[in-house]
Amino acid sequence: MNNKEYFLKLAKTKMPFGKYTGRFLIDLPEHYLIWFKGKGFPENELGKMLEAIYEIKLNGLEHLVRPFRN
């Protein structure tokens, strides 16, 4: 998967479980991502995506991802 495809996948993926089921990953609350960071991201594709979203939000770049959600 190239960078563009991965970026679009990050923008369009929704949380599949838990309290925030159905929310776009980019729209997850920051405190939730910080909790995952402390607990440890899952060791799968979703975990890698959550970690990428964490880094995007940490650097204040979510405005670059949100327009591609739909």
PDB file of N, CA and C in Angstrom:
ATOM      1  N   MET A   1       0.851  -1.173   0.000  1.00  0.00           N
ATOM      2  CA  MET A   1       0.000   0.000   0.000  1.00  0.00           C
ATOM      3  C   MET A   1       0.897   1.236   0.000  1.00  0.00           C
ATOM      4  N   ASN A   2       0.621   2.151  -0.903  1.00  0.00           N
ATOM      5  CA  ASN A   2       1.441   3.372  -0.945  1.00  0.00           C
ATOM      6  C   ASN A   2       0.939   4.383   0.087  1.00  0.00           C
ATOM      7  N   ASN A   3       1.690   5.452   0.240  1.00  0.00           N
ATOM      8  CA  ASN A   3       1.376   6.462   1.259  1.00  0.00           C
ATOM      9  C   ASN A   3      -0.001   7.089   1.066  1.00  0.00           C
ATOM     10  N   LYS A   4      -0.349   7.365  -0.189  1.00  0.00           N
ATOM     11  CA  LYS A   4      -1.647   7.996  -0.462  1.00  0.00           C
ATOM     12  C   LYS A   4      -2.792   7.064  -0.052  1.00  0.00           C
ATOM     13  N   GLU A   5      -2.681   5.787  -0.411  1.00  0.00           N
ATOM     14  CA  GLU A   5      -3.719   4.819  -0.049  1.00  0.00           C
ATOM     15  C   GLU A   5      -3.832   4.680   1.464  1.00  0.00           C
ATOM     16  N   TYR A   6      -2.687   4.635   2.142  1.00  0.00           N
ATOM     17  CA  TYR A   6      -2.687   4.502   3.598  1.00  0.00           C
ATOM     18  C   TYR A   6      -3.305   5.732   4.259  1.00  0.00           C
ATOM     19  N   PHE A   7      -2.968   6.910   3.756  1.00  0.00           N
ATOM     20  CA  PHE A   7      -3.523   8.159   4.274  1.00  0.00           C
ATOM     21  C   PHE A   7      -5.047   8.143   4.143  1.00  0.00           C
ATOM     22  N   LEU A   8      -5.549   7.749   2.975  1.00  0.00           N
ATOM     23  CA  LEU A   8      -7.000   7.693   2.768  1.00  0.00           C
ATOM     24  C   LEU A   8      -7.646   6.648   3.674  1.00  0.00           C
ATOM     25  N   LYS A   9      -6.966   5.527   3.875  1.00  0.00           N
ATOM     26  CA  LYS A   9      -7.490   4.505   4.772  1.00  0.00           C
ATOM     27  C   LYS A   9      -7.559   5.038   6.204  1.00  0.00           C
ATOM     28  N   LEU A  10      -6.519   5.761   6.639  1.00  0.00           N
ATOM     29  CA  LEU A  10      -6.540   6.382   7.962  1.00  0.00           C
ATOM     30  C   LEU A  10      -7.727   7.326   8.102  1.00  0.00           C
ATOM     31  N   ALA A  11      -7.993   8.101   7.064  1.00  0.00           N
ATOM     32  CA  ALA A  11      -9.074   9.085   7.109  1.00  0.00           C
ATOM     33  C   ALA A  11     -10.448   8.437   7.148  1.00  0.00           C
ATOM     34  N   LYS A  12     -10.611   7.279   6.508  1.00  0.00           N
ATOM     35  CA  LYS A  12     -11.938   6.680   6.346  1.00  0.00           C
ATOM     36  C   LYS A  12     -12.254   5.558   7.332  1.00  0.00           C
ATOM     37  N   THR A  13     -11.270   5.130   8.109  1.00  0.00           N
ATOM     38  CA  THR A  13     -11.495   4.009   9.022  1.00  0.00           C
ATOM     39  C   THR A  13     -12.222   4.465  10.283  1.00  0.00           C
ATOM     40  N   LYS A  14     -13.177   3.645  10.696  1.00  0.00           N
ATOM     41  CA  LYS A  14     -13.943   3.925  11.911  1.00  0.00           C
ATOM     42  C   LYS A  14     -13.535   2.941  13.002  1.00  0.00           C
ATOM     43  N   MET A  15     -13.689   3.357  14.226  1.00  0.00           N
ATOM     44  CA  MET A  15     -13.367   2.526  15.374  1.00  0.00           C
ATOM     45  C   MET A  15     -14.339   1.350  15.410  1.00  0.00           C
ATOM     46  N   PRO A  16     -13.831   0.117  15.416  1.00  0.00           N
ATOM     47  CA  PRO A  16     -14.715  -1.054  15.326  1.00  0.00           C
ATOM     48  C   PRO A  16     -15.260  -1.571  16.659  1.00  0.00           C
ATOM     49  N   PHE A  17     -14.798  -1.030  17.786  1.00  0.00           N
ATOM     50  CA  PHE A  17     -15.248  -1.567  19.072  1.00  0.00           C
ATOM     51  C   PHE A  17     -15.162  -0.499  20.154  1.00  0.00           C
ATOM     52  N   GLY A  18     -15.756  -0.826  21.305  1.00  0.00           N
ATOM     53  CA  GLY A  18     -15.640   0.023  22.484  1.00  0.00           C
ATOM     54  C   GLY A  18     -16.599   1.201  22.507  1.00  0.00           C
ATOM     55  N   LYS A  19     -16.319   2.080  23.426  1.00  0.00           N
ATOM     56  CA  LYS A  19     -17.150   3.258  23.679  1.00  0.00           C
ATOM     57  C   LYS A  19     -17.309   4.138  22.441  1.00  0.00           C
ATOM     58  N   TYR A  20     -16.307   4.166  21.586  1.00  0.00           N
ATOM     59  CA  TYR A  20     -16.323   5.049  20.421  1.00  0.00           C
ATOM     60  C   TYR A  20     -16.561   4.301  19.111  1.00  0.00           C
ATOM     61  N   THR A  21     -17.246   3.167  19.191  1.00  0.00           N
ATOM     62  CA  THR A  21     -17.588   2.387  17.999  1.00  0.00           C
ATOM     63  C   THR A  21     -18.266   3.277  16.964  1.00  0.00           C
ATOM     64  N   GLY A  22     -17.793   3.189  15.732  1.00  0.00           N
ATOM     65  CA  GLY A  22     -18.413   3.927  14.635  1.00  0.00           C
ATOM     66  C   GLY A  22     -17.834   5.312  14.387  1.00  0.00           C
ATOM     67  N   ARG A  23     -16.999   5.814  15.282  1.00  0.00           N
ATOM     68  CA  ARG A  23     -16.367   7.119  15.057  1.00  0.00           C
ATOM     69  C   ARG A  23     -15.146   6.946  14.160  1.00  0.00           C
ATOM     70  N   PHE A  24     -14.938   7.938  13.300  1.00  0.00           N
ATOM     71  CA  PHE A  24     -13.714   7.934  12.512  1.00  0.00           C
ATOM     72  C   PHE A  24     -12.529   7.996  13.474  1.00  0.00           C
ATOM     73  N   LEU A  25     -11.455   7.287  13.157  1.00  0.00           N
ATOM     74  CA  LEU A  25     -10.284   7.289  14.029  1.00  0.00           C
ATOM     75  C   LEU A  25      -9.778   8.705  14.281  1.00  0.00           C
ATOM     76  N   ILE A  26      -9.821   9.544  13.272  1.00  0.00           N
ATOM     77  CA  ILE A  26      -9.316  10.910  13.415  1.00  0.00           C
ATOM     78  C   ILE A  26     -10.185  11.720  14.381  1.00  0.00           C
ATOM     79  N   ASP A  27     -11.410  11.276  14.619  1.00  0.00           N
ATOM     80  CA  ASP A  27     -12.317  11.991  15.523  1.00  0.00           C
ATOM     81  C   ASP A  27     -12.320  11.425  16.951  1.00  0.00           C
ATOM     82  N   LEU A  28     -11.477  10.433  17.207  1.00  0.00           N
ATOM     83  CA  LEU A  28     -11.393   9.901  18.568  1.00  0.00           C
ATOM     84  C   LEU A  28     -10.840  10.970  19.494  1.00  0.00           C
ATOM     85  N   PRO A  29     -11.340  11.032  20.714  1.00  0.00           N
ATOM     86  CA  PRO A  29     -10.826  12.031  21.653  1.00  0.00           C
ATOM     87  C   PRO A  29      -9.338  11.783  21.959  1.00  0.00           C
ATOM     88  N   GLU A  30      -8.632  12.861  22.144  1.00  0.00           N
ATOM     89  CA  GLU A  30      -7.203  12.766  22.412  1.00  0.00           C
ATOM     90  C   GLU A  30      -6.918  11.948  23.667  1.00  0.00           C
ATOM     91  N   HIS A  31      -7.725  12.122  24.706  1.00  0.00           N
ATOM     92  CA  HIS A  31      -7.492  11.373  25.950  1.00  0.00           C
ATOM     93  C   HIS A  31      -7.583   9.870  25.731  1.00  0.00           C
ATOM     94  N   TYR A  32      -8.411   9.419  24.797  1.00  0.00           N
ATOM     95  CA  TYR A  32      -8.543   7.999  24.480  1.00  0.00           C
ATOM     96  C   TYR A  32      -7.265   7.476  23.812  1.00  0.00           C
ATOM     97  N   LEU A  33      -6.723   8.263  22.909  1.00  0.00           N
ATOM     98  CA  LEU A  33      -5.481   7.865  22.239  1.00  0.00           C
ATOM     99  C   LEU A  33      -4.307   7.874  23.214  1.00  0.00           C
ATOM    100  N   ILE A  34      -4.302   8.822  24.134  1.00  0.00           N
ATOM    101  CA  ILE A  34      -3.251   8.869  25.163  1.00  0.00           C
ATOM    102  C   ILE A  34      -3.363   7.638  26.067  1.00  0.00           C
ATOM    103  N   TRP A  35      -4.585   7.240  26.394  1.00  0.00           N
ATOM    104  CA  TRP A  35      -4.800   6.039  27.187  1.00  0.00           C
ATOM    105  C   TRP A  35      -4.232   4.820  26.469  1.00  0.00           C
ATOM    106  N   PHE A  36      -4.529   4.699  25.166  1.00  0.00           N
ATOM    107  CA  PHE A  36      -3.984   3.598  24.370  1.00  0.00           C
ATOM    108  C   PHE A  36      -2.458   3.646  24.355  1.00  0.00           C
ATOM    109  N   LYS A  37      -1.906   4.827  24.218  1.00  0.00           N
ATOM    110  CA  LYS A  37      -0.451   4.974  24.199  1.00  0.00           C
ATOM    111  C   LYS A  37       0.148   4.436  25.504  1.00  0.00           C
ATOM    112  N   GLY A  38      -0.464   4.753  26.625  1.00  0.00           N
ATOM    113  CA  GLY A  38       0.023   4.285  27.911  1.00  0.00           C
ATOM    114  C   GLY A  38      -0.175   2.793  28.118  1.00  0.00           C
ATOM    115  N   LYS A  39      -1.288   2.272  27.626  1.00  0.00           N
ATOM    116  CA  LYS A  39      -1.623   0.862  27.784  1.00  0.00           C
ATOM    117  C   LYS A  39      -0.861   0.005  26.781  1.00  0.00           C
ATOM    118  N   GLY A  40      -0.632   0.582  25.616  1.00  0.00           N
ATOM    119  CA  GLY A  40      -0.017  -0.147  24.510  1.00  0.00           C
ATOM    120  C   GLY A  40      -1.037  -0.338  23.402  1.00  0.00           C
ATOM    121  N   PHE A  41      -0.688   0.110  22.222  1.00  0.00           N
ATOM    122  CA  PHE A  41      -1.590  -0.061  21.079  1.00  0.00           C
ATOM    123  C   PHE A  41      -1.678  -1.546  20.733  1.00  0.00           C
ATOM    124  N   PRO A  42      -2.834  -1.996  20.233  1.00  0.00           N
ATOM    125  CA  PRO A  42      -2.942  -3.400  19.814  1.00  0.00           C
ATOM    126  C   PRO A  42      -1.861  -3.731  18.777  1.00  0.00           C
ATOM    127  N   GLU A  43      -1.439  -4.962  18.781  1.00  0.00           N
ATOM    128  CA  GLU A  43      -0.396  -5.384  17.848  1.00  0.00           C
ATOM    129  C   GLU A  43      -1.024  -5.932  16.569  1.00  0.00           C
ATOM    130  N   ASN A  44      -1.730  -5.070  15.882  1.00  0.00           N
ATOM    131  CA  ASN A  44      -2.353  -5.428  14.611  1.00  0.00           C
ATOM    132  C   ASN A  44      -2.458  -4.163  13.760  1.00  0.00           C
ATOM    133  N   GLU A  45      -3.121  -4.279  12.626  1.00  0.00           N
ATOM    134  CA  GLU A  45      -3.240  -3.128  11.720  1.00  0.00           C
ATOM    135  C   GLU A  45      -3.960  -1.959  12.384  1.00  0.00           C
ATOM    136  N   LEU A  46      -5.027  -2.253  13.128  1.00  0.00           N
ATOM    137  CA  LEU A  46      -5.751  -1.184  13.811  1.00  0.00           C
ATOM    138  C   LEU A  46      -4.845  -0.468  14.802  1.00  0.00           C
ATOM    139  N   GLY A  47      -4.043  -1.215  15.529  1.00  0.00           N
ATOM    140  CA  GLY A  47      -3.108  -0.615  16.479  1.00  0.00           C
ATOM    141  C   GLY A  47      -2.127   0.328  15.803  1.00  0.00           C
ATOM    142  N   LYS A  48      -1.643  -0.074  14.648  1.00  0.00           N
ATOM    143  CA  LYS A  48      -0.723   0.790  13.893  1.00  0.00           C
ATOM    144  C   LYS A  48      -1.432   2.052  13.423  1.00  0.00           C
ATOM    145  N   MET A  49      -2.688   1.902  13.035  1.00  0.00           N
ATOM    146  CA  MET A  49      -3.454   3.066  12.594  1.00  0.00           C
ATOM    147  C   MET A  49      -3.744   3.999  13.765  1.00  0.00           C
ATOM    148  N   LEU A  50      -4.104   3.436  14.920  1.00  0.00           N
ATOM    149  CA  LEU A  50      -4.346   4.264  16.104  1.00  0.00           C
ATOM    150  C   LEU A  50      -3.081   5.011  16.508  1.00  0.00           C
ATOM    151  N   GLU A  51      -1.951   4.347  16.406  1.00  0.00           N
ATOM    152  CA  GLU A  51      -0.683   5.011  16.736  1.00  0.00           C
ATOM    153  C   GLU A  51      -0.388   6.137  15.753  1.00  0.00           C
ATOM    154  N   ALA A  52      -0.683   5.914  14.471  1.00  0.00           N
ATOM    155  CA  ALA A  52      -0.486   6.968  13.471  1.00  0.00           C
ATOM    156  C   ALA A  52      -1.406   8.157  13.762  1.00  0.00           C
ATOM    157  N   ILE A  53      -2.659   7.884  14.119  1.00  0.00           N
ATOM    158  CA  ILE A  53      -3.598   8.956  14.454  1.00  0.00           C
ATOM    159  C   ILE A  53      -3.109   9.711  15.691  1.00  0.00           C
ATOM    160  N   TYR A  54      -2.597   8.980  16.667  1.00  0.00           N
ATOM    161  CA  TYR A  54      -2.032   9.606  17.870  1.00  0.00           C
ATOM    162  C   TYR A  54      -0.933  10.593  17.470  1.00  0.00           C
ATOM    163  N   GLU A  55      -0.026  10.172  16.606  1.00  0.00           N
ATOM    164  CA  GLU A  55       1.074  11.038  16.171  1.00  0.00           C
ATOM    165  C   GLU A  55       0.562  12.241  15.375  1.00  0.00           C
ATOM    166  N   ILE A  56      -0.438  12.015  14.539  1.00  0.00           N
ATOM    167  CA  ILE A  56      -1.026  13.111  13.765  1.00  0.00           C
ATOM    168  C   ILE A  56      -1.611  14.159  14.712  1.00  0.00           C
ATOM    169  N   LYS A  57      -2.374  13.699  15.698  1.00  0.00           N
ATOM    170  CA  LYS A  57      -2.981  14.633  16.652  1.00  0.00           C
ATOM    171  C   LYS A  57      -1.936  15.295  17.534  1.00  0.00           C
ATOM    172  N   LEU A  58      -0.937  14.544  17.952  1.00  0.00           N
ATOM    173  CA  LEU A  58       0.137  15.076  18.778  1.00  0.00           C
ATOM    174  C   LEU A  58       0.824  16.261  18.095  1.00  0.00           C
ATOM    175  N   ASN A  59       0.925  16.183  16.773  1.00  0.00           N
ATOM    176  CA  ASN A  59       1.586  17.225  16.004  1.00  0.00           C
ATOM    177  C   ASN A  59       0.616  18.244  15.414  1.00  0.00           C
ATOM    178  N   GLY A  60      -0.658  18.171  15.817  1.00  0.00           N
ATOM    179  CA  GLY A  60      -1.648  19.161  15.379  1.00  0.00           C
ATOM    180  C   GLY A  60      -1.971  19.118  13.894  1.00  0.00           C
ATOM    181  N   LEU A  61      -1.933  17.930  13.299  1.00  0.00           N
ATOM    182  CA  LEU A  61      -2.127  17.810  11.856  1.00  0.00           C
ATOM    183  C   LEU A  61      -3.462  17.186  11.457  1.00  0.00           C
ATOM    184  N   GLU A  62      -4.361  17.027  12.428  1.00  0.00           N
ATOM    185  CA  GLU A  62      -5.629  16.377  12.099  1.00  0.00           C
ATOM    186  C   GLU A  62      -6.428  17.139  11.046  1.00  0.00           C
ATOM    187  N   HIS A  63      -6.212  18.436  10.941  1.00  0.00           N
ATOM    188  CA  HIS A  63      -6.925  19.224   9.918  1.00  0.00           C
ATOM    189  C   HIS A  63      -6.568  18.766   8.502  1.00  0.00           C
ATOM    190  N   LEU A  64      -5.456  18.086   8.346  1.00  0.00           N
ATOM    191  CA  LEU A  64      -5.073  17.565   7.026  1.00  0.00           C
ATOM    192  C   LEU A  64      -5.817  16.281   6.683  1.00  0.00           C
ATOM    193  N   VAL A  65      -6.267  15.557   7.700  1.00  0.00           N
ATOM    194  CA  VAL A  65      -6.918  14.265   7.496  1.00  0.00           C
ATOM    195  C   VAL A  65      -8.431  14.396   7.413  1.00  0.00           C
ATOM    196  N   ARG A  66      -9.014  15.240   8.229  1.00  0.00           N
ATOM    197  CA  ARG A  66     -10.487  15.329   8.331  1.00  0.00           C
ATOM    198  C   ARG A  66     -11.215  15.546   7.000  1.00  0.00           C
ATOM    199  N   PRO A  67     -10.718  16.350   6.088  1.00  0.00           N
ATOM    200  CA  PRO A  67     -11.453  16.557   4.838  1.00  0.00           C
ATOM    201  C   PRO A  67     -11.619  15.285   3.991  1.00  0.00           C
ATOM    202  N   PHE A  68     -10.829  14.254   4.261  1.00  0.00           N
ATOM    203  CA  PHE A  68     -10.871  13.035   3.445  1.00  0.00           C
ATOM    204  C   PHE A  68     -11.699  11.923   4.072  1.00  0.00           C
ATOM    205  N   ARG A  69     -12.390  12.196   5.158  1.00  0.00           N
ATOM    206  CA  ARG A  69     -13.190  11.176   5.846  1.00  0.00           C
ATOM    207  C   ARG A  69     -14.275  10.594   4.964  1.00  0.00           C
ATOM    208  N   ASN A  70     -14.955  11.413   4.216  1.00  0.00           N
ATOM    209  CA  ASN A  70     -16.127  10.947   3.452  1.00  0.00           C
ATOM    210  C   ASN A  70     -15.785  10.526   2.060  1.00  0.00           C
TER     211      ASN A  70
END
